[in-house]
């Protein structure tokens, strides 16, 4: 896939491609540095990779702080 060649996979009904990417926290960092906002939260995979259960729990904790 990296060389952009076609790939056919027979005998499957679902295919999930999960690739690692570097998070882009530039906007968060700029907003934090500006000092204009009392509360900013960085959650989800932009903070660190997590399972869906961990992500839901972290979102719940942040929602309770807002």
PDB file of N, CA and C in Angstrom:
ATOM      1  N   UNK A   1       0.813  -1.198   0.000  1.00  0.00           N
ATOM      2  CA  UNK A   1       0.000   0.000   0.000  1.00  0.00           C
ATOM      3  C   UNK A   1       0.853   1.258   0.000  1.00  0.00           C
ATOM      4  N   UNK A   2       2.022   1.182   0.594  1.00  0.00           N
ATOM      5  CA  UNK A   2       2.879   2.363   0.671  1.00  0.00           C
ATOM      6  C   UNK A   2       3.341   2.810  -0.706  1.00  0.00           C
ATOM      7  N   UNK A   3       3.472   1.871  -1.639  1.00  0.00           N
ATOM      8  CA  UNK A   3       3.920   2.246  -2.981  1.00  0.00           C
ATOM      9  C   UNK A   3       2.753   2.565  -3.909  1.00  0.00           C
ATOM     10  N   UNK A   4       1.539   2.624  -3.379  1.00  0.00           N
ATOM     11  CA  UNK A   4       0.328   3.021  -4.084  1.00  0.00           C
ATOM     12  C   UNK A   4      -0.079   2.053  -5.188  1.00  0.00           C
ATOM     13  N   UNK A   5       0.350   0.810  -5.078  1.00  0.00           N
ATOM     14  CA  UNK A   5      -0.102  -0.204  -6.020  1.00  0.00           C
ATOM     15  C   UNK A   5      -1.480  -0.690  -5.597  1.00  0.00           C
ATOM     16  N   UNK A   6      -2.272  -1.152  -6.560  1.00  0.00           N
ATOM     17  CA  UNK A   6      -3.585  -1.706  -6.245  1.00  0.00           C
ATOM     18  C   UNK A   6      -3.415  -3.014  -5.483  1.00  0.00           C
ATOM     19  N   UNK A   7      -4.342  -3.259  -4.580  1.00  0.00           N
ATOM     20  CA  UNK A   7      -4.325  -4.482  -3.790  1.00  0.00           C
ATOM     21  C   UNK A   7      -5.746  -5.004  -3.709  1.00  0.00           C
ATOM     22  N   UNK A   8      -5.943  -6.268  -4.030  1.00  0.00           N
ATOM     23  CA  UNK A   8      -7.257  -6.889  -3.932  1.00  0.00           C
ATOM     24  C   UNK A   8      -7.213  -7.960  -2.861  1.00  0.00           C
ATOM     25  N   UNK A   9      -8.228  -7.938  -1.989  1.00  0.00           N
ATOM     26  CA  UNK A   9      -8.330  -8.933  -0.931  1.00  0.00           C
ATOM     27  C   UNK A   9      -9.671  -9.629  -1.101  1.00  0.00           C
ATOM     28  N   UNK A  10      -9.637 -10.919  -1.390  1.00  0.00           N
ATOM     29  CA  UNK A  10     -10.855 -11.697  -1.611  1.00  0.00           C
ATOM     30  C   UNK A  10     -11.274 -12.403  -0.328  1.00  0.00           C
ATOM     31  N   UNK A  11     -12.576 -12.635  -0.204  1.00  0.00           N
ATOM     32  CA  UNK A  11     -13.096 -13.432   0.896  1.00  0.00           C
ATOM     33  C   UNK A  11     -13.279 -12.680   2.203  1.00  0.00           C
ATOM     34  N   UNK A  12     -13.311 -11.361   2.156  1.00  0.00           N
ATOM     35  CA  UNK A  12     -13.563 -10.579   3.371  1.00  0.00           C
ATOM     36  C   UNK A  12     -14.717  -9.624   3.114  1.00  0.00           C
ATOM     37  N   UNK A  13     -15.462  -9.296   4.164  1.00  0.00           N
ATOM     38  CA  UNK A  13     -16.538  -8.323   3.995  1.00  0.00           C
ATOM     39  C   UNK A  13     -16.219  -6.997   4.676  1.00  0.00           C
ATOM     40  N   UNK A  14     -15.178  -6.984   5.500  1.00  0.00           N
ATOM     41  CA  UNK A  14     -14.779  -5.753   6.178  1.00  0.00           C
ATOM     42  C   UNK A  14     -13.262  -5.679   6.223  1.00  0.00           C
ATOM     43  N   UNK A  15     -12.744  -4.512   5.970  1.00  0.00           N
ATOM     44  CA  UNK A  15     -11.299  -4.300   6.023  1.00  0.00           C
ATOM     45  C   UNK A  15     -11.052  -2.979   6.741  1.00  0.00           C
ATOM     46  N   UNK A  16     -10.267  -3.020   7.790  1.00  0.00           N
ATOM     47  CA  UNK A  16      -9.942  -1.809   8.544  1.00  0.00           C
ATOM     48  C   UNK A  16      -8.444  -1.590   8.460  1.00  0.00           C
ATOM     49  N   UNK A  17      -8.074  -0.428   8.003  1.00  0.00           N
ATOM     50  CA  UNK A  17      -6.666  -0.069   7.913  1.00  0.00           C
ATOM     51  C   UNK A  17      -6.373   0.953   9.006  1.00  0.00           C
ATOM     52  N   UNK A  18      -5.563   0.568   9.953  1.00  0.00           N
ATOM     53  CA  UNK A  18      -5.196   1.475  11.046  1.00  0.00           C
ATOM     54  C   UNK A  18      -3.710   1.762  10.931  1.00  0.00           C
ATOM     55  N   UNK A  19      -3.392   3.009  10.710  1.00  0.00           N
ATOM     56  CA  UNK A  19      -1.990   3.380  10.553  1.00  0.00           C
ATOM     57  C   UNK A  19      -1.610   4.382  11.623  1.00  0.00           C
ATOM     58  N   UNK A  20      -0.404   4.310  12.049  1.00  0.00           N
ATOM     59  CA  UNK A  20       0.076   5.262  13.047  1.00  0.00           C
ATOM     60  C   UNK A  20       0.380   6.601  12.398  1.00  0.00           C
ATOM     61  N   UNK A  21      -0.080   7.632  13.013  1.00  0.00           N
ATOM     62  CA  UNK A  21       0.220   8.982  12.549  1.00  0.00           C
ATOM     63  C   UNK A  21       0.619   9.821  13.743  1.00  0.00           C
ATOM     64  N   UNK A  22       1.415  10.796  13.485  1.00  0.00           N
ATOM     65  CA  UNK A  22       1.845  11.692  14.547  1.00  0.00           C
ATOM     66  C   UNK A  22       0.737  12.712  14.796  1.00  0.00           C
ATOM     67  N   UNK A  23       0.343  12.903  16.060  1.00  0.00           N
ATOM     68  CA  UNK A  23      -0.720  13.872  16.344  1.00  0.00           C
ATOM     69  C   UNK A  23      -0.285  15.296  16.016  1.00  0.00           C
ATOM     70  N   UNK A  24      -1.239  16.112  15.613  1.00  0.00           N
ATOM     71  CA  UNK A  24      -0.973  17.522  15.340  1.00  0.00           C
ATOM     72  C   UNK A  24      -1.583  18.334  16.475  1.00  0.00           C
ATOM     73  N   UNK A  25      -0.747  18.747  17.417  1.00  0.00           N
ATOM     74  CA  UNK A  25      -1.194  19.504  18.587  1.00  0.00           C
ATOM     75  C   UNK A  25      -0.889  20.989  18.449  1.00  0.00           C
ATOM     76  N   UNK A  26      -0.596  21.430  17.249  1.00  0.00           N
ATOM     77  CA  UNK A  26      -0.175  22.814  17.026  1.00  0.00           C
ATOM     78  C   UNK A  26      -1.215  23.827  17.510  1.00  0.00           C
ATOM     79  N   UNK A  27      -2.479  23.625  17.165  1.00  0.00           N
ATOM     80  CA  UNK A  27      -3.527  24.557  17.579  1.00  0.00           C
ATOM     81  C   UNK A  27      -3.649  24.584  19.100  1.00  0.00           C
ATOM     82  N   UNK A  28      -3.665  23.413  19.725  1.00  0.00           N
ATOM     83  CA  UNK A  28      -3.743  23.348  21.185  1.00  0.00           C
ATOM     84  C   UNK A  28      -2.588  24.126  21.812  1.00  0.00           C
ATOM     85  N   UNK A  29      -1.380  23.896  21.323  1.00  0.00           N
ATOM     86  CA  UNK A  29      -0.207  24.579  21.878  1.00  0.00           C
ATOM     87  C   UNK A  29      -0.286  26.088  21.693  1.00  0.00           C
ATOM     88  N   UNK A  30      -0.769  26.542  20.548  1.00  0.00           N
ATOM     89  CA  UNK A  30      -0.910  27.981  20.302  1.00  0.00           C
ATOM     90  C   UNK A  30      -1.946  28.596  21.236  1.00  0.00           C
ATOM     91  N   UNK A  31      -3.070  27.924  21.401  1.00  0.00           N
ATOM     92  CA  UNK A  31      -4.116  28.436  22.289  1.00  0.00           C
ATOM     93  C   UNK A  31      -3.640  28.478  23.735  1.00  0.00           C
ATOM     94  N   UNK A  32      -2.936  27.447  24.150  1.00  0.00           N
ATOM     95  CA  UNK A  32      -2.416  27.400  25.517  1.00  0.00           C
ATOM     96  C   UNK A  32      -1.392  28.510  25.744  1.00  0.00           C
ATOM     97  N   UNK A  33      -0.529  28.698  24.774  1.00  0.00           N
ATOM     98  CA  UNK A  33       0.523  29.715  24.868  1.00  0.00           C
ATOM     99  C   UNK A  33      -0.060  31.127  24.894  1.00  0.00           C
ATOM    100  N   UNK A  34      -1.203  31.332  24.252  1.00  0.00           N
ATOM    101  CA  UNK A  34      -1.811  32.661  24.185  1.00  0.00           C
ATOM    102  C   UNK A  34      -2.268  33.148  25.553  1.00  0.00           C
ATOM    103  N   UNK A  35      -2.600  32.218  26.448  1.00  0.00           N
ATOM    104  CA  UNK A  35      -3.055  32.584  27.778  1.00  0.00           C
ATOM    105  C   UNK A  35      -4.465  33.148  27.826  1.00  0.00           C
ATOM    106  N   UNK A  36      -5.195  33.090  26.720  1.00  0.00           N
ATOM    107  CA  UNK A  36      -6.544  33.658  26.646  1.00  0.00           C
ATOM    108  C   UNK A  36      -7.607  32.740  27.241  1.00  0.00           C
ATOM    109  N   UNK A  37      -7.274  31.494  27.465  1.00  0.00           N
ATOM    110  CA  UNK A  37      -8.277  30.518  27.890  1.00  0.00           C
ATOM    111  C   UNK A  37      -7.896  29.940  29.242  1.00  0.00           C
ATOM    112  N   UNK A  38      -8.868  29.908  30.145  1.00  0.00           N
ATOM    113  CA  UNK A  38      -8.616  29.389  31.487  1.00  0.00           C
ATOM    114  C   UNK A  38      -8.446  27.876  31.483  1.00  0.00           C
ATOM    115  N   UNK A  39      -9.252  27.201  30.684  1.00  0.00           N
ATOM    116  CA  UNK A  39      -9.210  25.740  30.662  1.00  0.00           C
ATOM    117  C   UNK A  39      -9.092  25.239  29.230  1.00  0.00           C
ATOM    118  N   UNK A  40      -8.087  24.446  28.988  1.00  0.00           N
ATOM    119  CA  UNK A  40      -7.928  23.746  27.719  1.00  0.00           C
ATOM    120  C   UNK A  40      -7.619  22.295  28.046  1.00  0.00           C
ATOM    121  N   UNK A  41      -8.200  21.399  27.294  1.00  0.00           N
ATOM    122  CA  UNK A  41      -7.986  19.981  27.544  1.00  0.00           C
ATOM    123  C   UNK A  41      -7.517  19.306  26.264  1.00  0.00           C
ATOM    124  N   UNK A  42      -6.500  18.516  26.383  1.00  0.00           N
ATOM    125  CA  UNK A  42      -5.995  17.717  25.274  1.00  0.00           C
ATOM    126  C   UNK A  42      -6.334  16.268  25.601  1.00  0.00           C
ATOM    127  N   UNK A  43      -7.247  15.678  24.832  1.00  0.00           N
ATOM    128  CA  UNK A  43      -7.672  14.307  25.109  1.00  0.00           C
ATOM    129  C   UNK A  43      -7.677  13.506  23.817  1.00  0.00           C
ATOM    130  N   UNK A  44      -7.941  12.235  23.953  1.00  0.00           N
ATOM    131  CA  UNK A  44      -8.019  11.362  22.786  1.00  0.00           C
ATOM    132  C   UNK A  44      -6.636  10.990  22.279  1.00  0.00           C
ATOM    133  N   UNK A  45      -6.592  10.506  21.066  1.00  0.00           N
ATOM    134  CA  UNK A  45      -5.326  10.059  20.501  1.00  0.00           C
ATOM    135  C   UNK A  45      -4.344  11.193  20.275  1.00  0.00           C
ATOM    136  N   UNK A  46      -4.814  12.442  20.286  1.00  0.00           N
ATOM    137  CA  UNK A  46      -3.865  13.546  20.135  1.00  0.00           C
ATOM    138  C   UNK A  46      -3.013  13.685  21.401  1.00  0.00           C
ATOM    139  N   UNK A  47      -3.495  13.132  22.514  1.00  0.00           N
ATOM    140  CA  UNK A  47      -2.697  13.128  23.744  1.00  0.00           C
ATOM    141  C   UNK A  47      -1.823  11.879  23.776  1.00  0.00           C
ATOM    142  N   UNK A  48      -2.454  10.730  23.641  1.00  0.00           N
ATOM    143  CA  UNK A  48      -1.737   9.456  23.571  1.00  0.00           C
ATOM    144  C   UNK A  48      -2.703   8.384  23.081  1.00  0.00           C
ATOM    145  N   UNK A  49      -2.202   7.396  22.370  1.00  0.00           N
ATOM    146  CA  UNK A  49      -3.072   6.324  21.897  1.00  0.00           C
ATOM    147  C   UNK A  49      -3.714   5.591  23.075  1.00  0.00           C
ATOM    148  N   UNK A  50      -4.945   5.156  22.884  1.00  0.00           N
ATOM    149  CA  UNK A  50      -5.662   4.469  23.954  1.00  0.00           C
ATOM    150  C   UNK A  50      -6.700   3.534  23.360  1.00  0.00           C
ATOM    151  N   UNK A  51      -7.200   2.664  24.197  1.00  0.00           N
ATOM    152  CA  UNK A  51      -8.310   1.811  23.778  1.00  0.00           C
ATOM    153  C   UNK A  51      -9.585   2.646  23.785  1.00  0.00           C
ATOM    154  N   UNK A  52     -10.633   2.140  23.182  1.00  0.00           N
ATOM    155  CA  UNK A  52     -11.898   2.871  23.150  1.00  0.00           C
ATOM    156  C   UNK A  52     -12.434   3.071  24.563  1.00  0.00           C
ATOM    157  N   UNK A  53     -12.269   2.077  25.428  1.00  0.00           N
ATOM    158  CA  UNK A  53     -12.728   2.203  26.813  1.00  0.00           C
ATOM    159  C   UNK A  53     -11.973   3.315  27.540  1.00  0.00           C
ATOM    160  N   UNK A  54     -10.662   3.371  27.358  1.00  0.00           N
ATOM    161  CA  UNK A  54      -9.867   4.434  27.980  1.00  0.00           C
ATOM    162  C   UNK A  54     -10.266   5.801  27.436  1.00  0.00           C
ATOM    163  N   UNK A  55     -10.497   5.876  26.137  1.00  0.00           N
ATOM    164  CA  UNK A  55     -10.871   7.152  25.520  1.00  0.00           C
ATOM    165  C   UNK A  55     -12.214   7.650  26.058  1.00  0.00           C
ATOM    166  N   UNK A  56     -13.174   6.753  26.204  1.00  0.00           N
ATOM    167  CA  UNK A  56     -14.477   7.140  26.752  1.00  0.00           C
ATOM    168  C   UNK A  56     -14.320   7.627  28.186  1.00  0.00           C
ATOM    169  N   UNK A  57     -13.533   6.919  28.969  1.00  0.00           N
ATOM    170  CA  UNK A  57     -13.323   7.306  30.368  1.00  0.00           C
ATOM    171  C   UNK A  57     -12.653   8.674  30.466  1.00  0.00           C
ATOM    172  N   UNK A  58     -11.651   8.913  29.643  1.00  0.00           N
ATOM    173  CA  UNK A  58     -10.965  10.214  29.665  1.00  0.00           C
ATOM    174  C   UNK A  58     -11.905  11.333  29.234  1.00  0.00           C
ATOM    175  N   UNK A  59     -12.717  11.074  28.223  1.00  0.00           N
ATOM    176  CA  UNK A  59     -13.698  12.071  27.796  1.00  0.00           C
ATOM    177  C   UNK A  59     -14.698  12.374  28.895  1.00  0.00           C
ATOM    178  N   UNK A  60     -15.118  11.346  29.607  1.00  0.00           N
ATOM    179  CA  UNK A  60     -16.044  11.511  30.735  1.00  0.00           C
ATOM    180  C   UNK A  60     -15.416  12.379  31.821  1.00  0.00           C
ATOM    181  N   UNK A  61     -14.151  12.117  32.148  1.00  0.00           N
ATOM    182  CA  UNK A  61     -13.471  12.896  33.198  1.00  0.00           C
ATOM    183  C   UNK A  61     -13.348  14.361  32.802  1.00  0.00           C
ATOM    184  N   UNK A  62     -13.018  14.629  31.549  1.00  0.00           N
ATOM    185  CA  UNK A  62     -12.905  16.018  31.096  1.00  0.00           C
ATOM    186  C   UNK A  62     -14.273  16.685  31.102  1.00  0.00           C
ATOM    187  N   UNK A  63     -15.295  15.977  30.650  1.00  0.00           N
ATOM    188  CA  UNK A  63     -16.648  16.550  30.637  1.00  0.00           C
ATOM    189  C   UNK A  63     -17.080  16.956  32.040  1.00  0.00           C
ATOM    190  N   UNK A  64     -16.706  16.204  33.039  1.00  0.00           N
ATOM    191  CA  UNK A  64     -17.047  16.543  34.423  1.00  0.00           C
ATOM    192  C   UNK A  64     -16.300  17.771  34.923  1.00  0.00           C
ATOM    193  N   UNK A  65     -15.169  18.086  34.316  1.00  0.00           N
ATOM    194  CA  UNK A  65     -14.394  19.263  34.723  1.00  0.00           C
ATOM    195  C   UNK A  65     -14.913  20.549  34.086  1.00  0.00           C
ATOM    196  N   UNK A  66     -15.675  20.403  33.008  1.00  0.00           N
ATOM    197  CA  UNK A  66     -16.142  21.592  32.281  1.00  0.00           C
ATOM    198  C   UNK A  66     -17.326  22.215  32.996  1.00  0.00           C
TER     199      UNK A  66
END
